[in-house]
Amino acid sequence: MQAFATRWDFLFASVLIGVDRSTGVFSGSEPAPGQQMVAVWTSAEIAEEALHVESWELRPILVRDLLPLLPAGVGVQVDPERTSGMTASAAYVAGIRRFAEPFPVDAAVRVTTWDEIPDGALAAVAQAADEQGVRELHALMYTVDDSPPIGCLAWVADESADPSAVGWALETALLTAAGPADLAVVTVRVLPLSSVPQEIRAAIGDRHVLRRRRRTRFWRR
């Protein structure tokens, strides 16, 4: 059975990549002359069979974060030399690279309300948002073309807030309290509201506001 049945399974997967301890170069292979591939693995057991871990450090990485790092003409091999592995050719990678973005240009995006967030996760996210100076937090569910449902937390924070810290805190709070299956989504995107395309921001309106801080600094759902 192939490692990932669809492009979405592949894009949203977390894999292990080998990083050379001395040079920082990613692990790779050349299954055919001139066919450059980055090699990744679906488990530490499989990776450790293929690599000398004394020379290579295994690091987790999301495929959607890996693809934008690859030069043109480079593909991805998942679990090389395994019958359950998968080869994503350079052409295949080039074709799906744009879907690594939260809202790809020229894709059909359909937005719905995200009602499946458990109360415990709501409380955890609200606390993290307050600690990070988040003034508005929007929660929505959407699809891109034929993708499974994707969750999105879009935030507006105080000017003094560190965007990286805000995103990390919100995502950690949410996914610590509830997994993707509990949230009825395949993955979660956490990003500033300003990064959501204007036409989608106009369409979502106030019905997707999860939290909005009033002047008294209390949270109201």
Protein backbone atom coordinates (compact mmCIF):
# COMPACT_ATOMS: atom_id res chain seq x y z
CA MET A 1 0.00 0.00 0.00
CA GLN A 2 1.38 3.41 -0.94
CA ALA A 3 2.45 5.63 1.93
CA PHE A 4 0.00 8.43 1.03
CA ALA A 5 -3.07 7.76 -1.06
CA THR A 6 -3.83 11.35 -2.10
CA ARG A 7 -1.96 14.61 -2.60
CA TRP A 8 -3.64 15.94 0.55
CA ASP A 9 -2.46 12.99 2.65
CA PHE A 10 1.03 13.72 1.35
CA LEU A 11 0.91 17.50 1.80
CA PHE A 12 -0.40 17.42 5.36
CA ALA A 13 1.82 14.56 6.55
CA SER A 14 4.62 14.90 9.07
CA VAL A 15 7.72 12.96 8.03
CA LEU A 16 11.31 12.55 9.19
CA ILE A 17 14.16 13.98 7.19
CA GLY A 18 17.85 13.30 7.64
CA VAL A 19 20.08 16.33 8.10
CA ASP A 20 23.84 15.86 7.76
CA ARG A 21 25.34 16.76 11.14
CA SER A 22 28.39 18.43 9.60
CA THR A 23 26.96 20.20 6.53
CA GLY A 24 23.22 20.61 7.20
CA VAL A 25 22.43 19.02 3.81
CA PHE A 26 19.18 17.04 3.55
CA SER A 27 19.31 13.31 2.95
CA GLY A 28 18.79 12.47 -0.71
CA SER A 29 18.88 9.84 -3.39
CA GLU A 30 19.31 9.54 -7.14
CA PRO A 31 17.07 6.67 -8.33
CA ALA A 32 18.01 7.45 -11.93
CA PRO A 33 20.86 9.52 -13.43
CA GLY A 34 20.07 13.20 -13.04
CA GLN A 35 16.90 12.50 -11.03
CA GLN A 36 17.51 14.29 -7.74
CA MET A 37 15.33 13.34 -4.77
CA VAL A 38 15.10 14.35 -1.14
CA ALA A 39 14.57 11.26 1.01
CA VAL A 40 12.10 11.25 3.90
CA TRP A 41 10.69 8.55 6.15
CA THR A 42 7.39 7.84 7.85
CA SER A 43 8.90 6.39 11.02
CA ALA A 44 12.13 6.51 13.00
CA GLU A 45 12.51 2.75 12.68
CA ILE A 46 12.53 2.89 8.88
CA ALA A 47 14.81 5.93 8.83
CA GLU A 48 17.34 4.39 11.21
CA GLU A 49 17.57 1.31 8.98
CA ALA A 50 18.49 3.54 6.03
CA LEU A 51 20.79 6.10 7.65
CA HIS A 52 23.85 6.03 9.84
CA VAL A 53 22.41 8.05 12.69
CA GLU A 54 25.90 8.95 13.86
CA SER A 55 26.22 11.13 10.76
CA TRP A 56 22.58 12.11 10.25
CA GLU A 57 20.16 13.86 12.59
CA LEU A 58 16.52 12.92 12.13
CA ARG A 59 14.17 15.90 12.24
CA PRO A 60 10.39 15.98 11.88
CA ILE A 61 9.06 18.22 9.13
CA LEU A 62 5.67 18.81 7.56
CA VAL A 63 5.66 18.02 3.86
CA ARG A 64 3.89 21.32 3.22
CA ASP A 65 6.85 23.09 4.86
CA LEU A 66 9.41 20.98 2.99
CA LEU A 67 8.15 21.52 -0.57
CA PRO A 68 8.79 25.30 -0.70
CA LEU A 69 12.40 24.63 0.35
CA LEU A 70 13.14 22.36 -2.61
CA PRO A 71 14.88 23.73 -5.69
CA ALA A 72 13.15 23.27 -9.05
CA GLY A 73 13.76 19.83 -10.50
CA VAL A 74 13.96 18.03 -7.14
CA GLY A 75 11.41 15.43 -6.08
CA VAL A 76 10.69 13.55 -2.86
CA GLN A 77 11.10 9.86 -2.07
CA VAL A 78 9.12 8.57 0.89
CA ASP A 79 10.57 5.45 2.56
CA PRO A 80 13.03 4.67 -0.27
CA GLU A 81 13.42 0.99 -1.19
CA ARG A 82 10.24 0.07 0.70
CA THR A 83 7.32 -1.43 -1.23
CA SER A 84 5.04 0.84 0.80
CA GLY A 85 7.08 3.89 -0.18
CA MET A 86 6.19 6.62 -2.61
CA THR A 87 8.03 8.66 -5.22
CA ALA A 88 6.84 12.21 -5.80
CA SER A 89 8.58 13.24 -9.01
CA ALA A 90 9.89 16.74 -9.56
CA ALA A 91 6.93 17.36 -11.89
CA TYR A 92 4.49 16.13 -9.25
CA VAL A 93 6.10 18.35 -6.60
CA ALA A 94 5.95 21.33 -8.96
CA GLY A 95 2.26 20.67 -9.56
CA ILE A 96 1.24 20.54 -5.91
CA ARG A 97 3.71 23.04 -4.45
CA ARG A 98 1.16 25.87 -4.53
CA PHE A 99 -1.15 23.85 -2.28
CA ALA A 100 1.42 24.15 0.48
CA GLU A 101 0.07 27.70 0.90
CA PRO A 102 -2.99 28.12 3.16
CA PHE A 103 -5.01 29.81 0.40
CA PRO A 104 -3.53 28.97 -3.03
CA VAL A 105 -4.10 31.43 -5.85
CA ASP A 106 -6.77 30.36 -8.36
CA ALA A 107 -8.01 27.50 -6.15
CA ALA A 108 -11.67 27.05 -5.24
CA VAL A 109 -11.94 27.91 -1.54
CA ARG A 110 -15.19 27.15 0.29
CA VAL A 111 -15.60 28.49 3.83
CA THR A 112 -17.92 27.11 6.52
CA THR A 113 -18.25 27.56 10.26
CA TRP A 114 -16.01 25.47 12.49
CA ASP A 115 -18.38 24.19 15.15
CA GLU A 116 -16.46 21.08 16.17
CA ILE A 117 -13.94 22.70 18.54
CA PRO A 118 -14.43 21.09 21.99
CA ASP A 119 -15.05 23.36 24.96
CA GLY A 120 -11.73 22.41 26.56
CA ALA A 121 -9.85 23.41 23.42
CA LEU A 122 -11.80 26.67 23.23
CA ALA A 123 -10.80 27.52 26.78
CA ALA A 124 -7.13 26.67 26.13
CA VAL A 125 -7.02 28.78 22.99
CA ALA A 126 -8.76 31.69 24.74
CA GLN A 127 -6.19 31.65 27.53
CA ALA A 128 -3.28 31.51 25.08
CA ALA A 129 -4.79 34.33 23.03
CA ASP A 130 -5.17 36.54 26.08
CA GLU A 131 -1.58 35.86 27.16
CA GLN A 132 -0.28 36.77 23.69
CA GLY A 133 -2.20 40.04 23.36
CA VAL A 134 -4.64 38.76 20.72
CA ARG A 135 -7.45 41.25 20.16
CA GLU A 136 -9.50 39.20 17.70
CA LEU A 137 -9.58 35.51 16.96
CA HIS A 138 -11.51 34.02 14.06
CA ALA A 139 -12.13 30.30 13.64
CA LEU A 140 -13.28 28.87 10.32
CA MET A 141 -13.29 25.63 8.41
CA TYR A 142 -12.61 25.53 4.69
CA THR A 143 -11.73 23.34 1.75
CA VAL A 144 -9.35 23.97 -1.17
CA ASP A 145 -10.54 22.35 -4.40
CA ASP A 146 -11.18 18.71 -3.39
CA SER A 147 -9.31 18.81 -0.07
CA PRO A 148 -10.65 17.43 3.22
CA PRO A 149 -11.82 20.09 5.72
CA ILE A 150 -9.04 22.35 6.99
CA GLY A 151 -9.27 24.33 10.22
CA CYS A 152 -8.05 27.91 10.48
CA LEU A 153 -7.40 30.24 13.39
CA ALA A 154 -6.88 33.79 12.13
CA TRP A 155 -5.82 36.39 14.66
CA VAL A 156 -5.28 40.09 15.19
CA ALA A 157 -2.85 40.97 17.98
CA ASP A 158 -1.44 44.05 19.68
CA GLU A 159 1.36 45.79 17.80
CA SER A 160 3.85 44.71 20.46
CA ALA A 161 3.05 41.01 19.96
CA ASP A 162 5.58 38.68 18.33
CA PRO A 163 3.77 37.04 15.36
CA SER A 164 5.81 33.83 15.59
CA ALA A 165 5.11 33.51 19.31
CA VAL A 166 1.39 34.19 18.81
CA GLY A 167 1.03 31.55 16.12
CA TRP A 168 3.01 28.96 18.09
CA ALA A 169 1.06 29.59 21.30
CA LEU A 170 -2.35 29.34 19.65
CA GLU A 171 -1.50 26.22 17.67
CA THR A 172 0.10 24.52 20.67
CA ALA A 173 -2.86 25.33 22.92
CA LEU A 174 -5.37 24.01 20.39
CA LEU A 175 -3.57 20.81 19.40
CA THR A 176 -2.57 19.98 22.97
CA ALA A 177 -6.21 20.11 24.02
CA ALA A 178 -7.63 18.36 20.93
CA GLY A 179 -6.29 16.37 17.99
CA PRO A 180 -7.32 16.84 14.35
CA ALA A 181 -9.84 13.98 14.63
CA ASP A 182 -11.53 15.73 17.59
CA LEU A 183 -11.62 18.94 15.54
CA ALA A 184 -13.02 17.22 12.40
CA VAL A 185 -10.23 18.64 10.23
CA VAL A 186 -7.21 17.18 8.47
CA THR A 187 -4.89 19.96 9.62
CA VAL A 188 -4.99 23.41 11.21
CA ARG A 189 -3.63 26.65 9.81
CA VAL A 190 -2.81 29.42 12.31
CA LEU A 191 -2.02 32.79 10.76
CA PRO A 192 -2.61 36.53 11.07
CA LEU A 193 -5.97 37.69 9.78
CA SER A 194 -4.08 39.98 7.39
CA SER A 195 -2.72 36.85 5.66
CA VAL A 196 -6.23 35.68 4.78
CA PRO A 197 -7.16 36.89 1.27
CA GLN A 198 -9.41 39.93 1.27
CA GLU A 199 -12.26 38.19 -0.56
CA ILE A 200 -12.34 35.47 2.08
CA ARG A 201 -12.13 37.99 4.92
CA ALA A 202 -15.09 39.82 3.41
CA ALA A 203 -17.07 36.59 3.14
CA ILE A 204 -16.51 35.26 6.66
CA GLY A 205 -17.88 38.30 8.49
CA ASP A 206 -18.56 38.18 12.22
CA ARG A 207 -20.09 34.71 12.24
CA HIS A 208 -16.58 33.23 12.51
CA VAL A 209 -15.43 35.39 15.43
CA LEU A 210 -14.32 33.03 18.18
CA ARG A 211 -13.14 35.68 20.59
CA ARG A 212 -13.08 39.46 20.52
CA ARG A 213 -11.53 41.49 23.29
CA ARG A 214 -13.59 44.36 24.55
CA ARG A 215 -12.10 47.46 26.12
CA THR A 216 -12.57 45.86 29.55
CA ARG A 217 -10.24 43.05 28.30
CA PHE A 218 -12.82 40.37 29.10
CA TRP A 219 -13.40 37.60 26.54
CA ARG A 220 -16.84 36.96 25.18
CA ARG A 221 -17.81 34.10 22.93
